[in-house]
Amino acid sequence: MTRGAEDGYVLCTTPRSGSTMLCGMLRDTGMAGVPDSHFHQPSLASWRQANGLVADAPLCDILAAALKAGRGDTPVFGLRLQQHSTGFFFETLRSAFPDLTDDRVRLEASFGKLRFIHLRRQDKLAQAISFLRAQQSGLWHRHADGRALERLAPEGTAGYDTQSITAQIANFERQDLAWQNWFNAQGIAPLTLEYETLSARPLACLREVLGFLDLPVTATATVKVGTSKLADAQSAEWAARYRSERPEE
């Protein structure tokens, strides 16, 4: 396949599914764009600020800036899209392209021909615990050497909460179902990856993604995993406690 200048992909995911790891590896291949969450916040103002645009820049300028940022120095565009970010984002595109038929067509009008990757996590209990501990501690990601990579709040103390874990499990289940329903409605057959496989065999998963994108798998030769797990003995303790309290889960 001969790639066009605007070919790209959307990584469709939910929090605590390994997308930061995968995005970093794709970036480090030097040929798969710079996938990032350009539309994470439900706010045009935040989109403009993230792209260094003036306060009244129109949506077309925002989309053009995101396209440029998502390509980096490569011809391939990458975008990470969290399920909880899709409502405002898709509604904004619908308002901008009212004559186009569906979300996929609007996305491709904005960013060129796209392929879709669905990254999900099978163990919803582990995902929920990871999410709640990150919320409570403020630390969301670590570098491979243990240094903080992304801290969104001052360091706090994590505390076990059965109700919060149960609610977050249900939330992630709804988000996975919402992605699947959206793929079905848009006629999309994504490449589906599991966090558990990505975590165990990251470079093998990276090669699978590159093959799906028609990019040389040899690009993985110099790529190293740039993040480390946050899960620890406390995570395991919370999971064991939850299962003992709610054996039906």
C-alpha atoms as a PDB file:
ATOM      1  CA  MET A   1       0.000   0.000   0.000  1.00  0.00           C
ATOM      2  CA  THR A   2       1.232   3.487  -0.843  1.00  0.00           C
ATOM      3  CA  ARG A   3       0.475   5.821   2.023  1.00  0.00           C
ATOM      4  CA  GLY A   4      -1.035   9.207   1.394  1.00  0.00           C
ATOM      5  CA  ALA A   5       0.239  12.315   3.136  1.00  0.00           C
ATOM      6  CA  GLU A   6      -2.811  12.440   5.383  1.00  0.00           C
ATOM      7  CA  ASP A   7      -3.181   8.800   6.416  1.00  0.00           C
ATOM      8  CA  GLY A   8      -3.476   8.317  10.131  1.00  0.00           C
ATOM      9  CA  TYR A   9      -5.095   6.508  13.014  1.00  0.00           C
ATOM     10  CA  VAL A  10      -7.184   7.059  16.125  1.00  0.00           C
ATOM     11  CA  LEU A  11      -6.341   5.178  19.314  1.00  0.00           C
ATOM     12  CA  CYS A  12      -9.721   4.656  20.998  1.00  0.00           C
ATOM     13  CA  THR A  13      -9.376   3.838  24.662  1.00  0.00           C
ATOM     14  CA  THR A  14     -10.261   4.439  28.316  1.00  0.00           C
ATOM     15  CA  PRO A  15      -8.060   5.590  31.224  1.00  0.00           C
ATOM     16  CA  ARG A  16      -5.606   3.130  32.779  1.00  0.00           C
ATOM     17  CA  SER A  17      -5.471   0.901  29.687  1.00  0.00           C
ATOM     18  CA  GLY A  18      -1.848   1.435  28.700  1.00  0.00           C
ATOM     19  CA  SER A  19      -2.376   4.158  26.111  1.00  0.00           C
ATOM     20  CA  THR A  20       0.445   6.341  27.465  1.00  0.00           C
ATOM     21  CA  MET A  21       2.865   3.439  27.003  1.00  0.00           C
ATOM     22  CA  LEU A  22       1.622   2.684  23.491  1.00  0.00           C
ATOM     23  CA  CYS A  23       1.565   6.325  22.400  1.00  0.00           C
ATOM     24  CA  GLY A  24       5.155   6.764  23.598  1.00  0.00           C
ATOM     25  CA  MET A  25       6.352   3.713  21.684  1.00  0.00           C
ATOM     26  CA  LEU A  26       4.529   4.772  18.505  1.00  0.00           C
ATOM     27  CA  ARG A  27       6.094   8.232  18.767  1.00  0.00           C
ATOM     28  CA  ASP A  28       9.539   6.734  19.306  1.00  0.00           C
ATOM     29  CA  THR A  29       9.394   4.727  16.075  1.00  0.00           C
ATOM     30  CA  GLY A  30       9.875   8.052  14.306  1.00  0.00           C
ATOM     31  CA  MET A  31       7.318   7.189  11.643  1.00  0.00           C
ATOM     32  CA  ALA A  32       3.923   6.779  13.355  1.00  0.00           C
ATOM     33  CA  GLY A  33       3.139  10.360  14.239  1.00  0.00           C
ATOM     34  CA  VAL A  34       2.809  11.835  17.727  1.00  0.00           C
ATOM     35  CA  PRO A  35      -0.451  10.478  19.117  1.00  0.00           C
ATOM     36  CA  ASP A  36      -1.842  12.554  21.958  1.00  0.00           C
ATOM     37  CA  SER A  37      -5.149  13.606  23.517  1.00  0.00           C
ATOM     38  CA  HIS A  38      -5.605  16.854  21.608  1.00  0.00           C
ATOM     39  CA  PHE A  39      -9.308  17.027  22.505  1.00  0.00           C
ATOM     40  CA  HIS A  40      -9.244  15.747  26.081  1.00  0.00           C
ATOM     41  CA  GLN A  41     -11.068  18.674  27.702  1.00  0.00           C
ATOM     42  CA  PRO A  42     -14.636  19.600  26.637  1.00  0.00           C
ATOM     43  CA  SER A  43     -13.613  23.154  25.827  1.00  0.00           C
ATOM     44  CA  LEU A  44     -12.652  24.992  22.655  1.00  0.00           C
ATOM     45  CA  ALA A  45     -10.609  27.374  24.792  1.00  0.00           C
ATOM     46  CA  SER A  46      -8.490  24.509  26.141  1.00  0.00           C
ATOM     47  CA  TRP A  47      -8.004  23.153  22.610  1.00  0.00           C
ATOM     48  CA  ARG A  48      -6.779  26.568  21.441  1.00  0.00           C
ATOM     49  CA  GLN A  49      -4.466  26.955  24.423  1.00  0.00           C
ATOM     50  CA  ALA A  50      -2.986  23.486  23.959  1.00  0.00           C
ATOM     51  CA  ASN A  51      -2.137  24.320  20.358  1.00  0.00           C
ATOM     52  CA  GLY A  52      -0.806  27.819  21.045  1.00  0.00           C
ATOM     53  CA  LEU A  53      -3.606  29.565  19.157  1.00  0.00           C
ATOM     54  CA  VAL A  54      -5.183  32.948  19.810  1.00  0.00           C
ATOM     55  CA  ALA A  55      -8.329  33.068  21.944  1.00  0.00           C
ATOM     56  CA  ASP A  56     -10.739  33.512  19.029  1.00  0.00           C
ATOM     57  CA  ALA A  57      -9.125  31.058  16.573  1.00  0.00           C
ATOM     58  CA  PRO A  58     -11.851  29.210  14.618  1.00  0.00           C
ATOM     59  CA  LEU A  59     -12.359  25.463  14.809  1.00  0.00           C
ATOM     60  CA  CYS A  60     -10.719  24.939  11.414  1.00  0.00           C
ATOM     61  CA  ASP A  61      -7.477  26.397  12.811  1.00  0.00           C
ATOM     62  CA  ILE A  62      -7.713  24.153  15.878  1.00  0.00           C
ATOM     63  CA  LEU A  63      -8.157  21.059  13.723  1.00  0.00           C
ATOM     64  CA  ALA A  64      -5.287  22.090  11.445  1.00  0.00           C
ATOM     65  CA  ALA A  65      -3.012  22.650  14.441  1.00  0.00           C
ATOM     66  CA  ALA A  66      -3.957  19.274  15.929  1.00  0.00           C
ATOM     67  CA  LEU A  67      -3.276  17.598  12.580  1.00  0.00           C
ATOM     68  CA  LYS A  68       0.171  19.162  12.441  1.00  0.00           C
ATOM     69  CA  ALA A  69       0.959  18.238  16.046  1.00  0.00           C
ATOM     70  CA  GLY A  70      -0.319  14.693  15.593  1.00  0.00           C
ATOM     71  CA  ARG A  71       1.985  14.151  12.604  1.00  0.00           C
ATOM     72  CA  GLY A  72       5.137  15.620  14.085  1.00  0.00           C
ATOM     73  CA  ASP A  73       7.904  15.107  11.538  1.00  0.00           C
ATOM     74  CA  THR A  74       6.168  12.103   9.955  1.00  0.00           C
ATOM     75  CA  PRO A  75       3.492  11.799   7.242  1.00  0.00           C
ATOM     76  CA  VAL A  76       1.232   9.834   9.615  1.00  0.00           C
ATOM     77  CA  PHE A  77      -1.309  11.460  11.929  1.00  0.00           C
ATOM     78  CA  GLY A  78      -1.962   9.980  15.378  1.00  0.00           C
ATOM     79  CA  LEU A  79      -4.763  10.839  17.817  1.00  0.00           C
ATOM     80  CA  ARG A  80      -5.581   9.352  21.218  1.00  0.00           C
ATOM     81  CA  LEU A  81      -9.268   9.606  22.043  1.00  0.00           C
ATOM     82  CA  GLN A  82     -10.597   8.676  25.467  1.00  0.00           C
ATOM     83  CA  GLN A  83     -14.221   7.566  25.520  1.00  0.00           C
ATOM     84  CA  HIS A  84     -15.197  10.189  28.102  1.00  0.00           C
ATOM     85  CA  SER A  85     -13.891  12.902  25.731  1.00  0.00           C
ATOM     86  CA  THR A  86     -16.015  11.882  22.749  1.00  0.00           C
ATOM     87  CA  GLY A  87     -19.318  13.580  23.627  1.00  0.00           C
ATOM     88  CA  PHE A  88     -18.238  17.207  23.251  1.00  0.00           C
ATOM     89  CA  PHE A  89     -15.703  16.389  20.541  1.00  0.00           C
ATOM     90  CA  PHE A  90     -18.131  14.599  18.234  1.00  0.00           C
ATOM     91  CA  GLU A  91     -20.868  17.154  18.874  1.00  0.00           C
ATOM     92  CA  THR A  92     -18.450  19.928  17.902  1.00  0.00           C
ATOM     93  CA  LEU A  93     -17.569  18.130  14.655  1.00  0.00           C
ATOM     94  CA  ARG A  94     -21.286  17.595  13.925  1.00  0.00           C
ATOM     95  CA  SER A  95     -21.883  21.313  14.290  1.00  0.00           C
ATOM     96  CA  ALA A  96     -18.904  22.088  12.043  1.00  0.00           C
ATOM     97  CA  PHE A  97     -19.835  19.545   9.348  1.00  0.00           C
ATOM     98  CA  PRO A  98     -23.659  19.347   9.449  1.00  0.00           C
ATOM     99  CA  ASP A  99     -23.907  18.071   5.870  1.00  0.00           C
ATOM    100  CA  LEU A 100     -21.656  15.064   6.430  1.00  0.00           C
ATOM    101  CA  THR A 101     -23.230  11.738   7.244  1.00  0.00           C
ATOM    102  CA  ASP A 102     -21.501  10.356  10.340  1.00  0.00           C
ATOM    103  CA  ASP A 103     -18.694  10.768  12.849  1.00  0.00           C
ATOM    104  CA  ARG A 104     -16.166   8.772  10.853  1.00  0.00           C
ATOM    105  CA  VAL A 105     -16.705  10.922   7.750  1.00  0.00           C
ATOM    106  CA  ARG A 106     -16.339  14.073   9.844  1.00  0.00           C
ATOM    107  CA  LEU A 107     -13.138  12.780  11.421  1.00  0.00           C
ATOM    108  CA  GLU A 108     -11.692  12.005   7.995  1.00  0.00           C
ATOM    109  CA  ALA A 109     -12.770  15.426   6.701  1.00  0.00           C
ATOM    110  CA  SER A 110     -10.666  16.854   9.520  1.00  0.00           C
ATOM    111  CA  PHE A 111      -7.650  14.541   9.567  1.00  0.00           C
ATOM    112  CA  GLY A 112      -7.556  12.475   6.379  1.00  0.00           C
ATOM    113  CA  LYS A 113      -8.085   8.733   5.891  1.00  0.00           C
ATOM    114  CA  LEU A 114      -8.018   7.012   9.275  1.00  0.00           C
ATOM    115  CA  ARG A 115      -7.665   3.579  10.814  1.00  0.00           C
ATOM    116  CA  PHE A 116      -8.869   2.780  14.310  1.00  0.00           C
ATOM    117  CA  ILE A 117      -7.275   0.918  17.204  1.00  0.00           C
ATOM    118  CA  HIS A 118      -9.307  -0.118  20.243  1.00  0.00           C
ATOM    119  CA  LEU A 119      -7.181  -0.494  23.374  1.00  0.00           C
ATOM    120  CA  ARG A 120      -9.099  -1.880  26.336  1.00  0.00           C
ATOM    121  CA  ARG A 121      -8.433  -3.585  29.653  1.00  0.00           C
ATOM    122  CA  GLN A 122     -10.025  -6.925  30.511  1.00  0.00           C
ATOM    123  CA  ASP A 123      -9.479  -6.779  34.272  1.00  0.00           C
ATOM    124  CA  LYS A 124     -11.928  -4.039  35.215  1.00  0.00           C
ATOM    125  CA  LEU A 125     -11.211  -4.413  38.935  1.00  0.00           C
ATOM    126  CA  ALA A 126      -7.510  -3.707  38.368  1.00  0.00           C
ATOM    127  CA  GLN A 127      -8.411  -0.828  36.043  1.00  0.00           C
ATOM    128  CA  ALA A 128     -10.761   0.704  38.608  1.00  0.00           C
ATOM    129  CA  ILE A 129      -8.210   0.389  41.419  1.00  0.00           C
ATOM    130  CA  SER A 130      -5.501   1.924  39.224  1.00  0.00           C
ATOM    131  CA  PHE A 131      -7.774   4.846  38.352  1.00  0.00           C
ATOM    132  CA  LEU A 132      -8.862   5.540  41.931  1.00  0.00           C
ATOM    133  CA  ARG A 133      -5.323   5.298  43.305  1.00  0.00           C
ATOM    134  CA  ALA A 134      -4.116   7.736  40.634  1.00  0.00           C
ATOM    135  CA  GLN A 135      -6.936  10.140  41.514  1.00  0.00           C
ATOM    136  CA  GLN A 136      -6.118   9.964  45.205  1.00  0.00           C
ATOM    137  CA  SER A 137      -2.340  10.099  44.933  1.00  0.00           C
ATOM    138  CA  GLY A 138      -2.166  12.587  42.072  1.00  0.00           C
ATOM    139  CA  LEU A 139       0.405  10.404  40.266  1.00  0.00           C
ATOM    140  CA  TRP A 140      -0.859   9.078  36.932  1.00  0.00           C
ATOM    141  CA  HIS A 141       2.271   7.801  35.183  1.00  0.00           C
ATOM    142  CA  ARG A 142       5.905   6.984  35.923  1.00  0.00           C
ATOM    143  CA  HIS A 143       8.961   6.873  33.697  1.00  0.00           C
ATOM    144  CA  ALA A 144      10.587   3.481  33.283  1.00  0.00           C
ATOM    145  CA  ASP A 145      13.227   4.500  35.860  1.00  0.00           C
ATOM    146  CA  GLY A 146      10.580   5.296  38.475  1.00  0.00           C
ATOM    147  CA  ARG A 147      10.541   9.095  38.175  1.00  0.00           C
ATOM    148  CA  ALA A 148       7.163  10.810  37.997  1.00  0.00           C
ATOM    149  CA  LEU A 149       6.046  11.263  34.402  1.00  0.00           C
ATOM    150  CA  GLU A 150       2.609  12.788  34.961  1.00  0.00           C
ATOM    151  CA  ARG A 151       1.459  14.215  38.274  1.00  0.00           C
ATOM    152  CA  LEU A 152      -1.840  16.127  38.211  1.00  0.00           C
ATOM    153  CA  ALA A 153      -2.167  16.922  41.915  1.00  0.00           C
ATOM    154  CA  PRO A 154       0.001  17.130  45.034  1.00  0.00           C
ATOM    155  CA  GLU A 155       0.833  13.802  46.602  1.00  0.00           C
ATOM    156  CA  GLY A 156      -2.082  12.470  48.631  1.00  0.00           C
ATOM    157  CA  THR A 157      -2.987   9.379  50.595  1.00  0.00           C
ATOM    158  CA  ALA A 158      -4.904   6.576  48.925  1.00  0.00           C
ATOM    159  CA  GLY A 159      -7.785   5.020  50.839  1.00  0.00           C
ATOM    160  CA  TYR A 160      -9.770   1.884  50.080  1.00  0.00           C
ATOM    161  CA  ASP A 161     -13.449   2.451  49.183  1.00  0.00           C
ATOM    162  CA  THR A 162     -15.647  -0.446  48.043  1.00  0.00           C
ATOM    163  CA  GLN A 163     -18.414   1.776  46.666  1.00  0.00           C
ATOM    164  CA  SER A 164     -16.024   3.885  44.611  1.00  0.00           C
ATOM    165  CA  ILE A 165     -14.380   0.791  43.136  1.00  0.00           C
ATOM    166  CA  THR A 166     -17.766  -0.729  42.255  1.00  0.00           C
ATOM    167  CA  ALA A 167     -18.916   2.507  40.603  1.00  0.00           C
ATOM    168  CA  GLN A 168     -15.686   2.818  38.615  1.00  0.00           C
ATOM    169  CA  ILE A 169     -15.901  -0.790  37.390  1.00  0.00           C
ATOM    170  CA  ALA A 170     -19.410  -0.068  36.081  1.00  0.00           C
ATOM    171  CA  ASN A 171     -18.184   3.163  34.494  1.00  0.00           C
ATOM    172  CA  PHE A 172     -15.397   1.420  32.582  1.00  0.00           C
ATOM    173  CA  GLU A 173     -17.800  -1.313  31.454  1.00  0.00           C
ATOM    174  CA  ARG A 174     -20.133   1.389  30.083  1.00  0.00           C
ATOM    175  CA  GLN A 175     -17.252   3.076  28.290  1.00  0.00           C
ATOM    176  CA  ASP A 176     -16.125  -0.165  26.628  1.00  0.00           C
ATOM    177  CA  LEU A 177     -19.699  -0.811  25.491  1.00  0.00           C
ATOM    178  CA  ALA A 178     -19.984   2.761  24.198  1.00  0.00           C
ATOM    179  CA  TRP A 179     -16.862   2.278  22.070  1.00  0.00           C
ATOM    180  CA  GLN A 180     -18.196  -0.993  20.671  1.00  0.00           C
ATOM    181  CA  ASN A 181     -21.572   0.566  19.859  1.00  0.00           C
ATOM    182  CA  TRP A 182     -19.819   3.487  18.145  1.00  0.00           C
ATOM    183  CA  PHE A 183     -17.645   1.182  16.030  1.00  0.00           C
ATOM    184  CA  ASN A 184     -20.749  -0.757  14.977  1.00  0.00           C
ATOM    185  CA  ALA A 185     -22.679   2.422  14.113  1.00  0.00           C
ATOM    186  CA  GLN A 186     -19.768   3.815  12.079  1.00  0.00           C
ATOM    187  CA  GLY A 187     -19.002   0.566  10.246  1.00  0.00           C
ATOM    188  CA  ILE A 188     -15.519   0.403  11.768  1.00  0.00           C
ATOM    189  CA  ALA A 189     -13.580  -2.828  12.317  1.00  0.00           C
ATOM    190  CA  PRO A 190     -10.783  -1.677  14.643  1.00  0.00           C
ATOM    191  CA  LEU A 191      -7.612  -3.457  15.573  1.00  0.00           C
ATOM    192  CA  THR A 192      -8.396  -4.559  19.139  1.00  0.00           C
ATOM    193  CA  LEU A 193      -5.619  -4.753  21.724  1.00  0.00           C
ATOM    194  CA  GLU A 194      -5.796  -5.779  25.371  1.00  0.00           C
ATOM    195  CA  TYR A 195      -3.859  -3.989  28.103  1.00  0.00           C
ATOM    196  CA  GLU A 196      -2.876  -7.322  29.558  1.00  0.00           C
ATOM    197  CA  THR A 197      -1.145  -8.346  26.321  1.00  0.00           C
ATOM    198  CA  LEU A 198       0.400  -4.917  25.806  1.00  0.00           C
ATOM    199  CA  SER A 199       1.802  -4.945  29.337  1.00  0.00           C
ATOM    200  CA  ALA A 200       3.270  -8.439  28.957  1.00  0.00           C
ATOM    201  CA  ARG A 201       4.587  -8.115  25.381  1.00  0.00           C
ATOM    202  CA  PRO A 202       4.799  -4.397  24.525  1.00  0.00           C
ATOM    203  CA  LEU A 203       7.100  -4.645  21.504  1.00  0.00           C
ATOM    204  CA  ALA A 204       5.073  -7.486  19.995  1.00  0.00           C
ATOM    205  CA  CYS A 205       1.951  -5.323  20.305  1.00  0.00           C
ATOM    206  CA  LEU A 206       3.801  -2.396  18.773  1.00  0.00           C
ATOM    207  CA  ARG A 207       4.758  -4.545  15.797  1.00  0.00           C
ATOM    208  CA  GLU A 208       1.113  -5.586  15.428  1.00  0.00           C
ATOM    209  CA  VAL A 209       0.023  -1.950  15.366  1.00  0.00           C
ATOM    210  CA  LEU A 210       2.678  -0.985  12.826  1.00  0.00           C
ATOM    211  CA  GLY A 211       1.634  -3.875  10.601  1.00  0.00           C
ATOM    212  CA  PHE A 212      -1.993  -2.755  10.865  1.00  0.00           C
ATOM    213  CA  LEU A 213      -0.907   0.735   9.778  1.00  0.00           C
ATOM    214  CA  ASP A 214       1.194  -0.628   6.897  1.00  0.00           C
ATOM    215  CA  LEU A 215       4.358   0.704   8.499  1.00  0.00           C
ATOM    216  CA  PRO A 216       7.662  -1.225   8.697  1.00  0.00           C
ATOM    217  CA  VAL A 217       7.799  -3.382  11.827  1.00  0.00           C
ATOM    218  CA  THR A 218      11.568  -2.943  11.798  1.00  0.00           C
ATOM    219  CA  ALA A 219      10.907   0.501  13.288  1.00  0.00           C
ATOM    220  CA  THR A 220      10.618  -1.207  16.683  1.00  0.00           C
ATOM    221  CA  ALA A 221      14.338  -2.042  16.714  1.00  0.00           C
ATOM    222  CA  THR A 222      15.367   0.985  18.767  1.00  0.00           C
ATOM    223  CA  VAL A 223      12.152   1.490  20.748  1.00  0.00           C
ATOM    224  CA  LYS A 224      12.178   1.029  24.515  1.00  0.00           C
ATOM    225  CA  VAL A 225       9.239   1.028  26.910  1.00  0.00           C
ATOM    226  CA  GLY A 226       9.210   4.454  28.517  1.00  0.00           C
ATOM    227  CA  THR A 227       6.787   3.881  31.391  1.00  0.00           C
ATOM    228  CA  SER A 228       6.549   1.612  34.418  1.00  0.00           C
ATOM    229  CA  LYS A 229       3.541   0.150  36.201  1.00  0.00           C
ATOM    230  CA  LEU A 230       2.025   1.949  39.161  1.00  0.00           C
ATOM    231  CA  ALA A 231       0.442  -1.232  40.516  1.00  0.00           C
ATOM    232  CA  ASP A 232       2.113  -2.506  43.684  1.00  0.00           C
ATOM    233  CA  ALA A 233       1.417  -4.557  46.799  1.00  0.00           C
ATOM    234  CA  GLN A 234      -1.297  -2.130  47.879  1.00  0.00           C
ATOM    235  CA  SER A 235      -3.065  -2.580  44.555  1.00  0.00           C
ATOM    236  CA  ALA A 236      -3.028  -6.344  45.066  1.00  0.00           C
ATOM    237  CA  GLU A 237      -4.259  -5.922  48.636  1.00  0.00           C
ATOM    238  CA  TRP A 238      -7.200  -3.787  47.494  1.00  0.00           C
ATOM    239  CA  ALA A 239      -8.116  -6.322  44.796  1.00  0.00           C
ATOM    240  CA  ALA A 240      -8.022  -9.231  47.268  1.00  0.00           C
ATOM    241  CA  ARG A 241     -10.105  -7.292  49.778  1.00  0.00           C
ATOM    242  CA  TYR A 242     -12.673  -6.339  47.145  1.00  0.00           C
ATOM    243  CA  ARG A 243     -13.016  -9.927  45.934  1.00  0.00           C
ATOM    244  CA  SER A 244     -13.489 -11.139  49.516  1.00  0.00           C
ATOM    245  CA  GLU A 245     -16.207  -8.551  50.113  1.00  0.00           C
ATOM    246  CA  ARG A 246     -17.937  -9.060  46.767  1.00  0.00           C
ATOM    247  CA  PRO A 247     -17.221 -12.655  45.674  1.00  0.00           C
ATOM    248  CA  GLU A 248     -19.806 -12.346  42.885  1.00  0.00           C
ATOM    249  CA  GLU A 249     -17.509  -9.869  41.136  1.00  0.00           C
END
